[in-house]
Amino acid sequence: MTTPAPDQTADALNPVRAGLLRAAHSDAEVLLARAEREADALVARARTEARTVLDEARRQGEADGADAARDLLVRARRDARSSILAARRESYEELRRAAAERVRELHGTSGYTSLRERLERRARVLLGPGAEVSEHAGGGVVGRAPGRRVDLSLTELADRALDRMGAEVRSLWEK
């Protein structure tokens, strides 16, 4: 057997080499096409998942925002109600102070003696004829009997009158 010349060996392998290159190119194209399809499918799944996550995040954000808005509204209503009640209370206290002041002014009038006598008689009716009745420093009287006491001071009478007015007084600041 004779050994072929190197040129002859290279020439004889050219068709094999060309066939292997064609097969490799063909395999590479198939692999590349498959990789592109898989990449496209992966990107499509990722986009779908991203849309789902984004939609869920949006829904959750809207729900959280609605909850936060509701909490703010409740807090604002509570604060407003508290402010209204405080203003009403302040108005009522001012009305009480003004009424007490006006009633105390009776103490210095000419009709006060008659009023004091009527209050003293009322104390004795409520507590009995043996009641001890004394003048209150702010005007009016205070009566005492064993185990009992009656306050007919001018400021107390003004407070009771306001308390009896109830709804009429509330109507001053309600619509």
C-alpha atoms as a PDB file:
ATOM      1  CA  MET A   1       0.000   0.000   0.000  1.00  0.00           C
ATOM      2  CA  THR A   2       1.137   3.391  -0.856  1.00  0.00           C
ATOM      3  CA  THR A   3       0.523   6.478   1.086  1.00  0.00           C
ATOM      4  CA  PRO A   4      -1.371   9.148  -0.808  1.00  0.00           C
ATOM      5  CA  ALA A   5       0.206  12.508  -1.221  1.00  0.00           C
ATOM      6  CA  PRO A   6      -0.866  15.190   1.227  1.00  0.00           C
ATOM      7  CA  ASP A   7      -2.574  17.158  -1.554  1.00  0.00           C
ATOM      8  CA  GLN A   8      -4.570  14.150  -2.561  1.00  0.00           C
ATOM      9  CA  THR A   9      -5.678  13.532   1.036  1.00  0.00           C
ATOM     10  CA  ALA A  10      -6.803  17.120   1.458  1.00  0.00           C
ATOM     11  CA  ASP A  11      -8.661  16.961  -1.874  1.00  0.00           C
ATOM     12  CA  ALA A  12     -10.326  13.710  -0.871  1.00  0.00           C
ATOM     13  CA  LEU A  13     -11.498  15.204   2.425  1.00  0.00           C
ATOM     14  CA  ASN A  14     -12.967  18.362   0.877  1.00  0.00           C
ATOM     15  CA  PRO A  15     -16.356  16.766   0.159  1.00  0.00           C
ATOM     16  CA  VAL A  16     -16.460  15.380   3.714  1.00  0.00           C
ATOM     17  CA  ARG A  17     -15.434  18.732   5.152  1.00  0.00           C
ATOM     18  CA  ALA A  18     -18.034  20.514   3.012  1.00  0.00           C
ATOM     19  CA  GLY A  19     -20.692  18.028   4.122  1.00  0.00           C
ATOM     20  CA  LEU A  20     -19.761  18.498   7.770  1.00  0.00           C
ATOM     21  CA  LEU A  21     -19.868  22.290   7.361  1.00  0.00           C
ATOM     22  CA  ARG A  22     -23.280  22.104   5.703  1.00  0.00           C
ATOM     23  CA  ALA A  23     -24.539  19.818   8.467  1.00  0.00           C
ATOM     24  CA  ALA A  24     -23.080  22.113  11.132  1.00  0.00           C
ATOM     25  CA  HIS A  25     -24.677  25.182   9.473  1.00  0.00           C
ATOM     26  CA  SER A  26     -27.967  23.329   9.178  1.00  0.00           C
ATOM     27  CA  ASP A  27     -27.787  22.210  12.827  1.00  0.00           C
ATOM     28  CA  ALA A  28     -26.835  25.750  13.886  1.00  0.00           C
ATOM     29  CA  GLU A  29     -29.805  27.225  11.974  1.00  0.00           C
ATOM     30  CA  VAL A  30     -32.160  24.701  13.591  1.00  0.00           C
ATOM     31  CA  LEU A  31     -30.699  25.453  17.022  1.00  0.00           C
ATOM     32  CA  LEU A  32     -30.818  29.194  16.382  1.00  0.00           C
ATOM     33  CA  ALA A  33     -34.440  28.991  15.183  1.00  0.00           C
ATOM     34  CA  ARG A  34     -35.371  26.899  18.239  1.00  0.00           C
ATOM     35  CA  ALA A  35     -33.539  29.331  20.547  1.00  0.00           C
ATOM     36  CA  GLU A  36     -35.343  32.296  18.949  1.00  0.00           C
ATOM     37  CA  ARG A  37     -38.737  30.564  19.356  1.00  0.00           C
ATOM     38  CA  GLU A  38     -37.948  29.717  22.978  1.00  0.00           C
ATOM     39  CA  ALA A  39     -36.729  33.267  23.607  1.00  0.00           C
ATOM     40  CA  ASP A  40     -39.894  34.702  21.993  1.00  0.00           C
ATOM     41  CA  ALA A  41     -42.056  32.377  24.103  1.00  0.00           C
ATOM     42  CA  LEU A  42     -40.107  33.313  27.245  1.00  0.00           C
ATOM     43  CA  VAL A  43     -40.452  37.040  26.479  1.00  0.00           C
ATOM     44  CA  ALA A  44     -44.191  36.561  25.806  1.00  0.00           C
ATOM     45  CA  ARG A  45     -44.647  34.726  29.138  1.00  0.00           C
ATOM     46  CA  ALA A  46     -42.640  37.413  30.927  1.00  0.00           C
ATOM     47  CA  ARG A  47     -44.774  40.163  29.381  1.00  0.00           C
ATOM     48  CA  THR A  48     -47.966  38.344  30.338  1.00  0.00           C
ATOM     49  CA  GLU A  49     -46.685  37.844  33.870  1.00  0.00           C
ATOM     50  CA  ALA A  50     -45.577  41.475  34.052  1.00  0.00           C
ATOM     51  CA  ARG A  51     -49.057  42.636  32.911  1.00  0.00           C
ATOM     52  CA  THR A  52     -50.641  40.372  35.530  1.00  0.00           C
ATOM     53  CA  VAL A  53     -48.345  41.684  38.265  1.00  0.00           C
ATOM     54  CA  LEU A  54     -48.920  45.271  37.130  1.00  0.00           C
ATOM     55  CA  ASP A  55     -52.712  44.796  37.031  1.00  0.00           C
ATOM     56  CA  GLU A  56     -52.667  43.231  40.497  1.00  0.00           C
ATOM     57  CA  ALA A  57     -50.433  46.016  41.796  1.00  0.00           C
ATOM     58  CA  ARG A  58     -52.783  48.598  40.288  1.00  0.00           C
ATOM     59  CA  ARG A  59     -55.823  46.914  41.874  1.00  0.00           C
ATOM     60  CA  GLN A  60     -54.025  46.668  45.204  1.00  0.00           C
ATOM     61  CA  GLY A  61     -52.900  50.283  44.937  1.00  0.00           C
ATOM     62  CA  GLU A  62     -56.451  51.395  44.194  1.00  0.00           C
ATOM     63  CA  ALA A  63     -57.757  49.354  47.114  1.00  0.00           C
ATOM     64  CA  ASP A  64     -55.062  50.742  49.411  1.00  0.00           C
ATOM     65  CA  GLY A  65     -55.784  54.244  48.144  1.00  0.00           C
ATOM     66  CA  ALA A  66     -59.511  53.771  48.732  1.00  0.00           C
ATOM     67  CA  ASP A  67     -58.815  52.499  52.259  1.00  0.00           C
ATOM     68  CA  ALA A  68     -56.507  55.431  52.951  1.00  0.00           C
ATOM     69  CA  ALA A  69     -59.050  57.886  51.543  1.00  0.00           C
ATOM     70  CA  ARG A  70     -61.805  56.329  53.659  1.00  0.00           C
ATOM     71  CA  ASP A  71     -59.589  56.550  56.756  1.00  0.00           C
ATOM     72  CA  LEU A  72     -58.823  60.205  56.002  1.00  0.00           C
ATOM     73  CA  LEU A  73     -62.510  60.942  55.496  1.00  0.00           C
ATOM     74  CA  VAL A  74     -63.454  59.248  58.777  1.00  0.00           C
ATOM     75  CA  ARG A  75     -60.706  61.144  60.602  1.00  0.00           C
ATOM     76  CA  ALA A  76     -61.747  64.446  58.988  1.00  0.00           C
ATOM     77  CA  ARG A  77     -65.395  63.872  59.920  1.00  0.00           C
ATOM     78  CA  ARG A  78     -64.434  62.965  63.491  1.00  0.00           C
ATOM     79  CA  ASP A  79     -62.215  66.067  63.761  1.00  0.00           C
ATOM     80  CA  ALA A  80     -64.951  68.258  62.294  1.00  0.00           C
ATOM     81  CA  ARG A  81     -67.525  66.799  64.694  1.00  0.00           C
ATOM     82  CA  SER A  82     -65.153  67.342  67.599  1.00  0.00           C
ATOM     83  CA  SER A  83     -64.581  70.950  66.541  1.00  0.00           C
ATOM     84  CA  ILE A  84     -68.325  71.548  66.205  1.00  0.00           C
ATOM     85  CA  LEU A  85     -69.007  70.066  69.632  1.00  0.00           C
ATOM     86  CA  ALA A  86     -66.196  72.116  71.171  1.00  0.00           C
ATOM     87  CA  ALA A  87     -67.574  75.292  69.577  1.00  0.00           C
ATOM     88  CA  ARG A  88     -71.083  74.453  70.806  1.00  0.00           C
ATOM     89  CA  ARG A  89     -69.779  73.752  74.283  1.00  0.00           C
ATOM     90  CA  GLU A  90     -67.878  77.033  74.280  1.00  0.00           C
ATOM     91  CA  SER A  91     -71.001  78.877  73.083  1.00  0.00           C
ATOM     92  CA  TYR A  92     -73.105  77.201  75.759  1.00  0.00           C
ATOM     93  CA  GLU A  93     -70.579  78.043  78.471  1.00  0.00           C
ATOM     94  CA  GLU A  94     -70.478  81.652  77.250  1.00  0.00           C
ATOM     95  CA  LEU A  95     -74.284  81.753  77.367  1.00  0.00           C
ATOM     96  CA  ARG A  96     -74.184  80.367  80.931  1.00  0.00           C
ATOM     97  CA  ARG A  97     -71.621  82.983  81.988  1.00  0.00           C
ATOM     98  CA  ALA A  98     -73.633  85.792  80.389  1.00  0.00           C
ATOM     99  CA  ALA A  99     -76.892  84.594  82.000  1.00  0.00           C
ATOM    100  CA  ALA A 100     -75.229  84.293  85.416  1.00  0.00           C
ATOM    101  CA  GLU A 101     -73.744  87.759  85.053  1.00  0.00           C
ATOM    102  CA  ARG A 102     -77.105  89.266  84.082  1.00  0.00           C
ATOM    103  CA  VAL A 103     -78.864  87.520  86.959  1.00  0.00           C
ATOM    104  CA  ARG A 104     -76.212  88.692  89.444  1.00  0.00           C
ATOM    105  CA  GLU A 105     -76.958  92.251  88.317  1.00  0.00           C
ATOM    106  CA  LEU A 106     -80.413  91.834  89.947  1.00  0.00           C
ATOM    107  CA  HIS A 107     -78.640  91.887  93.312  1.00  0.00           C
ATOM    108  CA  GLY A 108     -78.145  95.642  93.075  1.00  0.00           C
ATOM    109  CA  THR A 109     -81.647  96.549  91.821  1.00  0.00           C
ATOM    110  CA  SER A 110     -84.588  97.929  93.774  1.00  0.00           C
ATOM    111  CA  GLY A 111     -86.632  94.755  93.168  1.00  0.00           C
ATOM    112  CA  TYR A 112     -83.968  92.491  94.677  1.00  0.00           C
ATOM    113  CA  THR A 113     -85.392  92.670  98.227  1.00  0.00           C
ATOM    114  CA  SER A 114     -88.747  91.390  97.020  1.00  0.00           C
ATOM    115  CA  LEU A 115     -87.062  88.637  94.964  1.00  0.00           C
ATOM    116  CA  ARG A 116     -84.923  87.582  97.936  1.00  0.00           C
ATOM    117  CA  GLU A 117     -88.019  87.354 100.168  1.00  0.00           C
ATOM    118  CA  ARG A 118     -89.791  85.151  97.601  1.00  0.00           C
ATOM    119  CA  LEU A 119     -86.705  82.887  97.360  1.00  0.00           C
ATOM    120  CA  GLU A 120     -86.530  82.644 101.148  1.00  0.00           C
ATOM    121  CA  ARG A 121     -90.220  81.638 101.325  1.00  0.00           C
ATOM    122  CA  ARG A 122     -89.611  79.025  98.595  1.00  0.00           C
ATOM    123  CA  ALA A 123     -86.676  77.567 100.554  1.00  0.00           C
ATOM    124  CA  ARG A 124     -88.891  77.232 103.638  1.00  0.00           C
ATOM    125  CA  VAL A 125     -91.653  75.565 101.581  1.00  0.00           C
ATOM    126  CA  LEU A 126     -89.121  73.046 100.234  1.00  0.00           C
ATOM    127  CA  LEU A 127     -87.299  72.407 103.541  1.00  0.00           C
ATOM    128  CA  GLY A 128     -89.897  73.195 106.158  1.00  0.00           C
ATOM    129  CA  PRO A 129     -90.491  76.221 108.419  1.00  0.00           C
ATOM    130  CA  GLY A 130     -87.508  75.392 110.675  1.00  0.00           C
ATOM    131  CA  ALA A 131     -84.997  75.642 107.818  1.00  0.00           C
ATOM    132  CA  GLU A 132     -82.009  77.899 108.190  1.00  0.00           C
ATOM    133  CA  VAL A 133     -81.941  80.298 105.220  1.00  0.00           C
ATOM    134  CA  SER A 134     -78.998  82.551 104.448  1.00  0.00           C
ATOM    135  CA  GLU A 135     -78.117  84.894 101.642  1.00  0.00           C
ATOM    136  CA  HIS A 136     -75.760  83.577  98.976  1.00  0.00           C
ATOM    137  CA  ALA A 137     -72.694  85.778  98.258  1.00  0.00           C
ATOM    138  CA  GLY A 138     -73.672  86.116  94.573  1.00  0.00           C
ATOM    139  CA  GLY A 139     -77.313  86.859  95.316  1.00  0.00           C
ATOM    140  CA  GLY A 140     -80.261  84.627  96.131  1.00  0.00           C
ATOM    141  CA  VAL A 141     -80.443  82.293  99.116  1.00  0.00           C
ATOM    142  CA  VAL A 142     -79.293  78.894 100.359  1.00  0.00           C
ATOM    143  CA  GLY A 143     -81.501  76.900 102.717  1.00  0.00           C
ATOM    144  CA  ARG A 144     -80.436  74.119 105.077  1.00  0.00           C
ATOM    145  CA  ALA A 145     -82.371  71.632 107.152  1.00  0.00           C
ATOM    146  CA  PRO A 146     -81.060  68.470 108.826  1.00  0.00           C
ATOM    147  CA  GLY A 147     -79.803  66.198 105.986  1.00  0.00           C
ATOM    148  CA  ARG A 148     -81.037  68.511 103.241  1.00  0.00           C
ATOM    149  CA  ARG A 149     -79.936  71.595 101.359  1.00  0.00           C
ATOM    150  CA  VAL A 150     -81.495  73.773  98.679  1.00  0.00           C
ATOM    151  CA  ASP A 151     -79.554  76.216  96.495  1.00  0.00           C
ATOM    152  CA  LEU A 152     -81.648  79.119  95.272  1.00  0.00           C
ATOM    153  CA  SER A 153     -78.700  81.326  94.409  1.00  0.00           C
ATOM    154  CA  LEU A 154     -79.149  83.564  91.386  1.00  0.00           C
ATOM    155  CA  THR A 155     -76.460  81.769  89.355  1.00  0.00           C
ATOM    156  CA  GLU A 156     -77.942  78.345  90.168  1.00  0.00           C
ATOM    157  CA  LEU A 157     -81.405  79.568  89.163  1.00  0.00           C
ATOM    158  CA  ALA A 158     -79.993  80.871  85.869  1.00  0.00           C
ATOM    159  CA  ASP A 159     -78.272  77.497  85.230  1.00  0.00           C
ATOM    160  CA  ARG A 160     -81.495  75.608  85.931  1.00  0.00           C
ATOM    161  CA  ALA A 161     -83.443  77.907  83.617  1.00  0.00           C
ATOM    162  CA  LEU A 162     -80.950  77.218  80.812  1.00  0.00           C
ATOM    163  CA  ASP A 163     -81.112  73.470  81.504  1.00  0.00           C
ATOM    164  CA  ARG A 164     -84.919  73.550  81.279  1.00  0.00           C
ATOM    165  CA  MET A 165     -84.718  75.392  77.956  1.00  0.00           C
ATOM    166  CA  GLY A 166     -82.776  72.395  76.526  1.00  0.00           C
ATOM    167  CA  ALA A 167     -83.724  72.171  72.847  1.00  0.00           C
ATOM    168  CA  GLU A 168     -84.406  75.898  72.608  1.00  0.00           C
ATOM    169  CA  VAL A 169     -80.831  76.635  73.671  1.00  0.00           C
ATOM    170  CA  ARG A 170     -79.450  74.005  71.242  1.00  0.00           C
ATOM    171  CA  SER A 171     -81.404  75.605  68.418  1.00  0.00           C
ATOM    172  CA  LEU A 172     -79.191  78.684  68.789  1.00  0.00           C
ATOM    173  CA  TRP A 173     -76.306  76.879  67.045  1.00  0.00           C
ATOM    174  CA  GLU A 174     -78.043  74.178  65.055  1.00  0.00           C
ATOM    175  CA  LYS A 175     -79.413  74.702  61.556  1.00  0.00           C
END
